[in-house]
Amino acid sequence: RTGTPSAAAVGRAVGRIREDPTFRDAAARVGADLRGR
């Protein structure tokens, strides 16, 4: 929600994605749809 994030915000976000598999699952769903069009 900003173009100039703090280092802490970037670190927390990367940590969330690495720890929560639902982000990768959703990206895989979107990716499959993109590739199929």
PDB file of all heavy atoms in Angstrom:
ATOM      1  N   ARG A   1       0.805  -1.233   0.000  1.00  0.00           N
ATOM      2  CA  ARG A   1       0.000   0.000   0.000  1.00  0.00           C
ATOM      3  C   ARG A   1       0.833   1.275   0.000  1.00  0.00           C
ATOM      4  O   ARG A   1       0.375   2.316   0.460  1.00  0.00           O
ATOM      5  CB  ARG A   1      -0.991   0.001   1.170  1.00  0.00           C
ATOM      6  CG  ARG A   1      -1.939  -1.184   1.148  1.00  0.00           C
ATOM      7  CD  ARG A   1      -2.927  -1.147   2.293  1.00  0.00           C
ATOM      8  NE  ARG A   1      -3.755  -2.337   2.303  1.00  0.00           N
ATOM      9  CZ  ARG A   1      -4.869  -2.493   1.575  1.00  0.00           C
ATOM     10  NH1 ARG A   1      -5.267  -1.509   0.786  1.00  0.00           N
ATOM     11  NH2 ARG A   1      -5.562  -3.612   1.636  1.00  0.00           N
ATOM     12  N   THR A   2       2.036   1.206  -0.493  1.00  0.00           N
ATOM     13  CA  THR A   2       2.890   2.380  -0.642  1.00  0.00           C
ATOM     14  C   THR A   2       4.001   2.045  -1.615  1.00  0.00           C
ATOM     15  O   THR A   2       4.380   0.876  -1.756  1.00  0.00           O
ATOM     16  CB  THR A   2       3.500   2.819   0.706  1.00  0.00           C
ATOM     17  OG1 THR A   2       4.391   3.916   0.489  1.00  0.00           O
ATOM     18  CG2 THR A   2       4.283   1.681   1.349  1.00  0.00           C
ATOM     19  N   GLY A   3       4.519   3.061  -2.271  1.00  0.00           N
ATOM     20  CA  GLY A   3       5.653   2.854  -3.152  1.00  0.00           C
ATOM     21  C   GLY A   3       6.982   3.040  -2.465  1.00  0.00           C
ATOM     22  O   GLY A   3       8.039   2.790  -3.056  1.00  0.00           O
ATOM     23  N   THR A   4       6.946   3.490  -1.196  1.00  0.00           N
ATOM     24  CA  THR A   4       8.178   3.726  -0.438  1.00  0.00           C
ATOM     25  C   THR A   4       8.074   3.037   0.913  1.00  0.00           C
ATOM     26  O   THR A   4       7.994   3.696   1.964  1.00  0.00           O
ATOM     27  CB  THR A   4       8.431   5.233  -0.259  1.00  0.00           C
ATOM     28  OG1 THR A   4       7.262   5.831   0.340  1.00  0.00           O
ATOM     29  CG2 THR A   4       8.699   5.905  -1.603  1.00  0.00           C
ATOM     30  N   PRO A   5       8.091   1.723   0.925  1.00  0.00           N
ATOM     31  CA  PRO A   5       7.901   0.999   2.181  1.00  0.00           C
ATOM     32  C   PRO A   5       9.138   1.065   3.067  1.00  0.00           C
ATOM     33  O   PRO A   5      10.257   1.321   2.607  1.00  0.00           O
ATOM     34  CB  PRO A   5       7.656  -0.433   1.707  1.00  0.00           C
ATOM     35  CG  PRO A   5       8.465  -0.534   0.435  1.00  0.00           C
ATOM     36  CD  PRO A   5       8.311   0.814  -0.212  1.00  0.00           C
ATOM     37  N   SER A   6       8.949   0.793   4.330  1.00  0.00           N
ATOM     38  CA  SER A   6      10.072   0.670   5.248  1.00  0.00           C
ATOM     39  C   SER A   6      10.710  -0.701   5.086  1.00  0.00           C
ATOM     40  O   SER A   6      10.090  -1.645   4.561  1.00  0.00           O
ATOM     41  CB  SER A   6       9.598   0.838   6.693  1.00  0.00           C
ATOM     42  OG  SER A   6       8.757  -0.261   7.060  1.00  0.00           O
ATOM     43  N   ALA A   7      11.958  -0.822   5.531  1.00  0.00           N
ATOM     44  CA  ALA A   7      12.622  -2.114   5.492  1.00  0.00           C
ATOM     45  C   ALA A   7      11.853  -3.138   6.331  1.00  0.00           C
ATOM     46  O   ALA A   7      11.720  -4.306   5.937  1.00  0.00           O
ATOM     47  CB  ALA A   7      14.050  -1.974   5.992  1.00  0.00           C
ATOM     48  N   ALA A   8      11.311  -2.699   7.450  1.00  0.00           N
ATOM     49  CA  ALA A   8      10.569  -3.619   8.313  1.00  0.00           C
ATOM     50  C   ALA A   8       9.342  -4.166   7.600  1.00  0.00           C
ATOM     51  O   ALA A   8       9.025  -5.365   7.706  1.00  0.00           O
ATOM     52  CB  ALA A   8      10.173  -2.913   9.608  1.00  0.00           C
ATOM     53  N   ALA A   9       8.646  -3.299   6.848  1.00  0.00           N
ATOM     54  CA  ALA A   9       7.447  -3.746   6.136  1.00  0.00           C
ATOM     55  C   ALA A   9       7.798  -4.764   5.056  1.00  0.00           C
ATOM     56  O   ALA A   9       7.106  -5.769   4.881  1.00  0.00           O
ATOM     57  CB  ALA A   9       6.728  -2.548   5.536  1.00  0.00           C
ATOM     58  N   VAL A  10       8.875  -4.507   4.320  1.00  0.00           N
ATOM     59  CA  VAL A  10       9.296  -5.463   3.290  1.00  0.00           C
ATOM     60  C   VAL A  10       9.683  -6.784   3.935  1.00  0.00           C
ATOM     61  O   VAL A  10       9.295  -7.867   3.469  1.00  0.00           O
ATOM     62  CB  VAL A  10      10.474  -4.898   2.470  1.00  0.00           C
ATOM     63  CG1 VAL A  10      10.985  -5.956   1.493  1.00  0.00           C
ATOM     64  CG2 VAL A  10      10.054  -3.637   1.718  1.00  0.00           C
ATOM     65  N   GLY A  11      10.437  -6.731   5.009  1.00  0.00           N
ATOM     66  CA  GLY A  11      10.859  -7.954   5.681  1.00  0.00           C
ATOM     67  C   GLY A  11       9.688  -8.774   6.183  1.00  0.00           C
ATOM     68  O   GLY A  11       9.664 -10.008   6.033  1.00  0.00           O
ATOM     69  N   ARG A  12       8.702  -8.107   6.795  1.00  0.00           N
ATOM     70  CA  ARG A  12       7.524  -8.835   7.288  1.00  0.00           C
ATOM     71  C   ARG A  12       6.765  -9.492   6.136  1.00  0.00           C
ATOM     72  O   ARG A  12       6.301 -10.637   6.248  1.00  0.00           O
ATOM     73  CB  ARG A  12       6.602  -7.882   8.045  1.00  0.00           C
ATOM     74  CG  ARG A  12       7.102  -7.508   9.431  1.00  0.00           C
ATOM     75  CD  ARG A  12       5.992  -6.827  10.223  1.00  0.00           C
ATOM     76  NE  ARG A  12       5.519  -5.610   9.584  1.00  0.00           N
ATOM     77  CZ  ARG A  12       6.015  -4.396   9.832  1.00  0.00           C
ATOM     78  NH1 ARG A  12       7.030  -4.258  10.683  1.00  0.00           N
ATOM     79  NH2 ARG A  12       5.520  -3.340   9.236  1.00  0.00           N
ATOM     80  N   ALA A  13       6.630  -8.763   5.019  1.00  0.00           N
ATOM     81  CA  ALA A  13       5.876  -9.301   3.888  1.00  0.00           C
ATOM     82  C   ALA A  13       6.570 -10.502   3.276  1.00  0.00           C
ATOM     83  O   ALA A  13       5.927 -11.525   2.963  1.00  0.00           O
ATOM     84  CB  ALA A  13       5.675  -8.208   2.846  1.00  0.00           C
ATOM     85  N   VAL A  14       7.874 -10.424   3.086  1.00  0.00           N
ATOM     86  CA  VAL A  14       8.609 -11.574   2.545  1.00  0.00           C
ATOM     87  C   VAL A  14       8.509 -12.749   3.505  1.00  0.00           C
ATOM     88  O   VAL A  14       8.318 -13.907   3.082  1.00  0.00           O
ATOM     89  CB  VAL A  14      10.075 -11.197   2.270  1.00  0.00           C
ATOM     90  CG1 VAL A  14      10.884 -12.447   1.897  1.00  0.00           C
ATOM     91  CG2 VAL A  14      10.165 -10.166   1.145  1.00  0.00           C
ATOM     92  N   GLY A  15       8.593 -12.470   4.801  1.00  0.00           N
ATOM     93  CA  GLY A  15       8.455 -13.539   5.790  1.00  0.00           C
ATOM     94  C   GLY A  15       7.096 -14.208   5.728  1.00  0.00           C
ATOM     95  O   GLY A  15       6.996 -15.446   5.822  1.00  0.00           O
ATOM     96  N   ARG A  16       6.031 -13.413   5.577  1.00  0.00           N
ATOM     97  CA  ARG A  16       4.685 -13.984   5.472  1.00  0.00           C
ATOM     98  C   ARG A  16       4.592 -14.929   4.290  1.00  0.00           C
ATOM     99  O   ARG A  16       4.039 -16.034   4.398  1.00  0.00           O
ATOM    100  CB  ARG A  16       3.648 -12.868   5.318  1.00  0.00           C
ATOM    101  CG  ARG A  16       3.308 -12.105   6.565  1.00  0.00           C
ATOM    102  CD  ARG A  16       2.230 -11.070   6.253  1.00  0.00           C
ATOM    103  NE  ARG A  16       0.993 -11.722   5.775  1.00  0.00           N
ATOM    104  CZ  ARG A  16      -0.005 -11.060   5.183  1.00  0.00           C
ATOM    105  NH1 ARG A  16       0.107  -9.743   4.970  1.00  0.00           N
ATOM    106  NH2 ARG A  16      -1.082 -11.711   4.802  1.00  0.00           N
ATOM    107  N   ILE A  17       5.114 -14.501   3.159  1.00  0.00           N
ATOM    108  CA  ILE A  17       5.000 -15.325   1.959  1.00  0.00           C
ATOM    109  C   ILE A  17       5.803 -16.613   2.102  1.00  0.00           C
ATOM    110  O   ILE A  17       5.361 -17.696   1.690  1.00  0.00           O
ATOM    111  CB  ILE A  17       5.441 -14.520   0.726  1.00  0.00           C
ATOM    112  CG1 ILE A  17       4.347 -13.516   0.354  1.00  0.00           C
ATOM    113  CG2 ILE A  17       5.760 -15.441  -0.453  1.00  0.00           C
ATOM    114  CD1 ILE A  17       4.657 -12.644  -0.818  1.00  0.00           C
ATOM    115  N   ARG A  18       6.973 -16.532   2.711  1.00  0.00           N
ATOM    116  CA  ARG A  18       7.788 -17.734   2.870  1.00  0.00           C
ATOM    117  C   ARG A  18       7.166 -18.714   3.867  1.00  0.00           C
ATOM    118  O   ARG A  18       7.343 -19.934   3.737  1.00  0.00           O
ATOM    119  CB  ARG A  18       9.199 -17.354   3.306  1.00  0.00           C
ATOM    120  CG  ARG A  18       9.983 -16.572   2.269  1.00  0.00           C
ATOM    121  CD  ARG A  18      11.405 -16.321   2.729  1.00  0.00           C
ATOM    122  NE  ARG A  18      12.176 -17.570   2.800  1.00  0.00           N
ATOM    123  CZ  ARG A  18      13.381 -17.667   3.361  1.00  0.00           C
ATOM    124  NH1 ARG A  18      13.947 -16.584   3.906  1.00  0.00           N
ATOM    125  NH2 ARG A  18      14.009 -18.824   3.396  1.00  0.00           N
ATOM    126  N   GLU A  19       6.437 -18.184   4.844  1.00  0.00           N
ATOM    127  CA  GLU A  19       5.888 -19.036   5.900  1.00  0.00           C
ATOM    128  C   GLU A  19       4.491 -19.550   5.608  1.00  0.00           C
ATOM    129  O   GLU A  19       4.088 -20.594   6.147  1.00  0.00           O
ATOM    130  CB  GLU A  19       5.876 -18.256   7.223  1.00  0.00           C
ATOM    131  CG  GLU A  19       7.262 -17.907   7.741  1.00  0.00           C
ATOM    132  CD  GLU A  19       7.230 -16.856   8.826  1.00  0.00           C
ATOM    133  OE1 GLU A  19       6.097 -16.492   9.257  1.00  0.00           O
ATOM    134  OE2 GLU A  19       8.307 -16.378   9.246  1.00  0.00           O
ATOM    135  N   ASP A  20       3.739 -18.844   4.758  1.00  0.00           N
ATOM    136  CA  ASP A  20       2.331 -19.196   4.523  1.00  0.00           C
ATOM    137  C   ASP A  20       2.177 -19.780   3.119  1.00  0.00           C
ATOM    138  O   ASP A  20       2.244 -19.049   2.125  1.00  0.00           O
ATOM    139  CB  ASP A  20       1.462 -17.943   4.677  1.00  0.00           C
ATOM    140  CG  ASP A  20      -0.029 -18.242   4.581  1.00  0.00           C
ATOM    141  OD1 ASP A  20      -0.385 -19.353   4.148  1.00  0.00           O
ATOM    142  OD2 ASP A  20      -0.835 -17.355   4.913  1.00  0.00           O
ATOM    143  N   PRO A  21       1.923 -21.079   2.985  1.00  0.00           N
ATOM    144  CA  PRO A  21       1.846 -21.700   1.652  1.00  0.00           C
ATOM    145  C   PRO A  21       0.647 -21.264   0.826  1.00  0.00           C
ATOM    146  O   PRO A  21       0.603 -21.518  -0.379  1.00  0.00           O
ATOM    147  CB  PRO A  21       1.769 -23.198   1.979  1.00  0.00           C
ATOM    148  CG  PRO A  21       1.204 -23.264   3.363  1.00  0.00           C
ATOM    149  CD  PRO A  21       1.740 -22.060   4.072  1.00  0.00           C
ATOM    150  N   THR A  22      -0.342 -20.593   1.443  1.00  0.00           N
ATOM    151  CA  THR A  22      -1.512 -20.201   0.658  1.00  0.00           C
ATOM    152  C   THR A  22      -1.156 -19.171  -0.406  1.00  0.00           C
ATOM    153  O   THR A  22      -1.815 -19.109  -1.448  1.00  0.00           O
ATOM    154  CB  THR A  22      -2.616 -19.634   1.570  1.00  0.00           C
ATOM    155  OG1 THR A  22      -2.138 -18.466   2.242  1.00  0.00           O
ATOM    156  CG2 THR A  22      -3.056 -20.667   2.594  1.00  0.00           C
ATOM    157  N   PHE A  23      -0.125 -18.360  -0.166  1.00  0.00           N
ATOM    158  CA  PHE A  23       0.288 -17.389  -1.186  1.00  0.00           C
ATOM    159  C   PHE A  23       0.809 -18.117  -2.429  1.00  0.00           C
ATOM    160  O   PHE A  23       0.446 -17.786  -3.562  1.00  0.00           O
ATOM    161  CB  PHE A  23       1.368 -16.456  -0.640  1.00  0.00           C
ATOM    162  CG  PHE A  23       0.879 -15.461   0.365  1.00  0.00           C
ATOM    163  CD1 PHE A  23       1.184 -15.615   1.709  1.00  0.00           C
ATOM    164  CD2 PHE A  23       0.110 -14.369  -0.015  1.00  0.00           C
ATOM    165  CE1 PHE A  23       0.741 -14.692   2.652  1.00  0.00           C
ATOM    166  CE2 PHE A  23      -0.341 -13.444   0.914  1.00  0.00           C
ATOM    167  CZ  PHE A  23      -0.023 -13.614   2.249  1.00  0.00           C
ATOM    168  N   ARG A  24       1.654 -19.109  -2.222  1.00  0.00           N
ATOM    169  CA  ARG A  24       2.194 -19.858  -3.368  1.00  0.00           C
ATOM    170  C   ARG A  24       1.093 -20.661  -4.053  1.00  0.00           C
ATOM    171  O   ARG A  24       1.082 -20.783  -5.281  1.00  0.00           O
ATOM    172  CB  ARG A  24       3.331 -20.769  -2.916  1.00  0.00           C
ATOM    173  CG  ARG A  24       4.037 -21.483  -4.063  1.00  0.00           C
ATOM    174  CD  ARG A  24       5.374 -22.031  -3.636  1.00  0.00           C
ATOM    175  NE  ARG A  24       6.297 -20.960  -3.272  1.00  0.00           N
ATOM    176  CZ  ARG A  24       7.001 -20.266  -4.162  1.00  0.00           C
ATOM    177  NH1 ARG A  24       6.893 -20.526  -5.465  1.00  0.00           N
ATOM    178  NH2 ARG A  24       7.814 -19.313  -3.764  1.00  0.00           N
ATOM    179  N   ASP A  25       0.164 -21.196  -3.275  1.00  0.00           N
ATOM    180  CA  ASP A  25      -0.944 -21.940  -3.885  1.00  0.00           C
ATOM    181  C   ASP A  25      -1.772 -21.031  -4.784  1.00  0.00           C
ATOM    182  O   ASP A  25      -2.158 -21.409  -5.899  1.00  0.00           O
ATOM    183  CB  ASP A  25      -1.834 -22.544  -2.799  1.00  0.00           C
ATOM    184  CG  ASP A  25      -1.145 -23.646  -2.006  1.00  0.00           C
ATOM    185  OD1 ASP A  25      -0.118 -24.163  -2.490  1.00  0.00           O
ATOM    186  OD2 ASP A  25      -1.630 -23.970  -0.906  1.00  0.00           O
ATOM    187  N   ALA A  26      -2.063 -19.821  -4.292  1.00  0.00           N
ATOM    188  CA  ALA A  26      -2.852 -18.877  -5.097  1.00  0.00           C
ATOM    189  C   ALA A  26      -2.082 -18.442  -6.334  1.00  0.00           C
ATOM    190  O   ALA A  26      -2.650 -18.340  -7.432  1.00  0.00           O
ATOM    191  CB  ALA A  26      -3.234 -17.663  -4.256  1.00  0.00           C
ATOM    192  N   ALA A  27      -0.776 -18.179  -6.178  1.00  0.00           N
ATOM    193  CA  ALA A  27       0.031 -17.811  -7.340  1.00  0.00           C
ATOM    194  C   ALA A  27       0.050 -18.931  -8.371  1.00  0.00           C
ATOM    195  O   ALA A  27       0.017 -18.675  -9.580  1.00  0.00           O
ATOM    196  CB  ALA A  27       1.451 -17.475  -6.892  1.00  0.00           C
ATOM    197  N   ALA A  28       0.084 -20.178  -7.904  1.00  0.00           N
ATOM    198  CA  ALA A  28       0.056 -21.309  -8.830  1.00  0.00           C
ATOM    199  C   ALA A  28      -1.268 -21.366  -9.587  1.00  0.00           C
ATOM    200  O   ALA A  28      -1.292 -21.660 -10.795  1.00  0.00           O
ATOM    201  CB  ALA A  28       0.291 -22.609  -8.064  1.00  0.00           C
ATOM    202  N   ARG A  29      -2.387 -21.084  -8.901  1.00  0.00           N
ATOM    203  CA  ARG A  29      -3.691 -21.075  -9.579  1.00  0.00           C
ATOM    204  C   ARG A  29      -3.749 -19.995 -10.656  1.00  0.00           C
ATOM    205  O   ARG A  29      -4.197 -20.234 -11.783  1.00  0.00           O
ATOM    206  CB  ARG A  29      -4.826 -20.857  -8.567  1.00  0.00           C
ATOM    207  CG  ARG A  29      -5.144 -22.046  -7.705  1.00  0.00           C
ATOM    208  CD  ARG A  29      -6.469 -21.851  -6.982  1.00  0.00           C
ATOM    209  NE  ARG A  29      -6.461 -20.679  -6.104  1.00  0.00           N
ATOM    210  CZ  ARG A  29      -6.041 -20.688  -4.843  1.00  0.00           C
ATOM    211  NH1 ARG A  29      -5.569 -21.805  -4.309  1.00  0.00           N
ATOM    212  NH2 ARG A  29      -6.102 -19.593  -4.108  1.00  0.00           N
ATOM    213  N   VAL A  30      -3.295 -18.791 -10.284  1.00  0.00           N
ATOM    214  CA  VAL A  30      -3.293 -17.706 -11.263  1.00  0.00           C
ATOM    215  C   VAL A  30      -2.362 -18.047 -12.423  1.00  0.00           C
ATOM    216  O   VAL A  30      -2.687 -17.831 -13.593  1.00  0.00           O
ATOM    217  CB  VAL A  30      -2.888 -16.381 -10.602  1.00  0.00           C
ATOM    218  CG1 VAL A  30      -2.777 -15.277 -11.651  1.00  0.00           C
ATOM    219  CG2 VAL A  30      -3.894 -15.980  -9.525  1.00  0.00           C
ATOM    220  N   GLY A  31      -1.195 -18.589 -12.103  1.00  0.00           N
ATOM    221  CA  GLY A  31      -0.242 -18.940 -13.144  1.00  0.00           C
ATOM    222  C   GLY A  31      -0.787 -19.958 -14.118  1.00  0.00           C
ATOM    223  O   GLY A  31      -0.591 -19.836 -15.337  1.00  0.00           O
ATOM    224  N   ALA A  32      -1.487 -20.959 -13.607  1.00  0.00           N
ATOM    225  CA  ALA A  32      -2.070 -21.968 -14.497  1.00  0.00           C
ATOM    226  C   ALA A  32      -3.087 -21.335 -15.436  1.00  0.00           C
ATOM    227  O   ALA A  32      -3.160 -21.686 -16.628  1.00  0.00           O
ATOM    228  CB  ALA A  32      -2.715 -23.082 -13.673  1.00  0.00           C
ATOM    229  N   ASP A  33      -3.879 -20.398 -14.910  1.00  0.00           N
ATOM    230  CA  ASP A  33      -4.868 -19.740 -15.763  1.00  0.00           C
ATOM    231  C   ASP A  33      -4.191 -18.863 -16.813  1.00  0.00           C
ATOM    232  O   ASP A  33      -4.593 -18.870 -17.983  1.00  0.00           O
ATOM    233  CB  ASP A  33      -5.821 -18.901 -14.914  1.00  0.00           C
ATOM    234  CG  ASP A  33      -7.000 -18.398 -15.724  1.00  0.00           C
ATOM    235  OD1 ASP A  33      -7.883 -19.206 -16.045  1.00  0.00           O
ATOM    236  OD2 ASP A  33      -7.014 -17.193 -16.062  1.00  0.00           O
ATOM    237  N   LEU A  34      -3.153 -18.131 -16.408  1.00  0.00           N
ATOM    238  CA  LEU A  34      -2.430 -17.293 -17.364  1.00  0.00           C
ATOM    239  C   LEU A  34      -1.839 -18.141 -18.491  1.00  0.00           C
ATOM    240  O   LEU A  34      -1.948 -17.793 -19.677  1.00  0.00           O
ATOM    241  CB  LEU A  34      -1.311 -16.526 -16.655  1.00  0.00           C
ATOM    242  CG  LEU A  34      -1.735 -15.410 -15.694  1.00  0.00           C
ATOM    243  CD1 LEU A  34      -0.533 -14.927 -14.889  1.00  0.00           C
ATOM    244  CD2 LEU A  34      -2.360 -14.244 -16.453  1.00  0.00           C
ATOM    245  N   ARG A  35      -1.222 -19.250 -18.134  1.00  0.00           N
ATOM    246  CA  ARG A  35      -0.585 -20.102 -19.145  1.00  0.00           C
ATOM    247  C   ARG A  35      -1.598 -20.754 -20.066  1.00  0.00           C
ATOM    248  O   ARG A  35      -1.285 -21.070 -21.221  1.00  0.00           O
ATOM    249  CB  ARG A  35       0.266 -21.175 -18.460  1.00  0.00           C
ATOM    250  CG  ARG A  35       1.462 -20.627 -17.690  1.00  0.00           C
ATOM    251  CD  ARG A  35       2.396 -21.756 -17.262  1.00  0.00           C
ATOM    252  NE  ARG A  35       1.735 -22.749 -16.429  1.00  0.00           N
ATOM    253  CZ  ARG A  35       1.625 -22.680 -15.105  1.00  0.00           C
ATOM    254  NH1 ARG A  35       2.119 -21.626 -14.456  1.00  0.00           N
ATOM    255  NH2 ARG A  35       1.036 -23.639 -14.418  1.00  0.00           N
ATOM    256  N   GLY A  36      -2.813 -20.939 -19.578  1.00  0.00           N
ATOM    257  CA  GLY A  36      -3.817 -21.625 -20.381  1.00  0.00           C
ATOM    258  C   GLY A  36      -4.601 -20.750 -21.333  1.00  0.00           C
ATOM    259  O   GLY A  36      -5.485 -21.260 -22.047  1.00  0.00           O
ATOM    260  N   ARG A  37      -4.303 -19.458 -21.392  1.00  0.00           N
ATOM    261  CA  ARG A  37      -5.114 -18.547 -22.199  1.00  0.00           C
ATOM    262  C   ARG A  37      -4.526 -18.229 -23.566  1.00  0.00           C
ATOM    263  O   ARG A  37      -5.108 -17.437 -24.307  1.00  0.00           O
ATOM    264  CB  ARG A  37      -5.411 -17.269 -21.417  1.00  0.00           C
ATOM    265  CG  ARG A  37      -6.334 -17.544 -20.258  1.00  0.00           C
ATOM    266  CD  ARG A  37      -6.864 -16.344 -19.545  1.00  0.00           C
ATOM    267  NE  ARG A  37      -7.909 -16.785 -18.624  1.00  0.00           N
ATOM    268  CZ  ARG A  37      -9.195 -16.890 -18.937  1.00  0.00           C
ATOM    269  NH1 ARG A  37      -9.616 -16.552 -20.148  1.00  0.00           N
ATOM    270  NH2 ARG A  37     -10.065 -17.326 -18.055  1.00  0.00           N
TER     271      ARG A  37
END
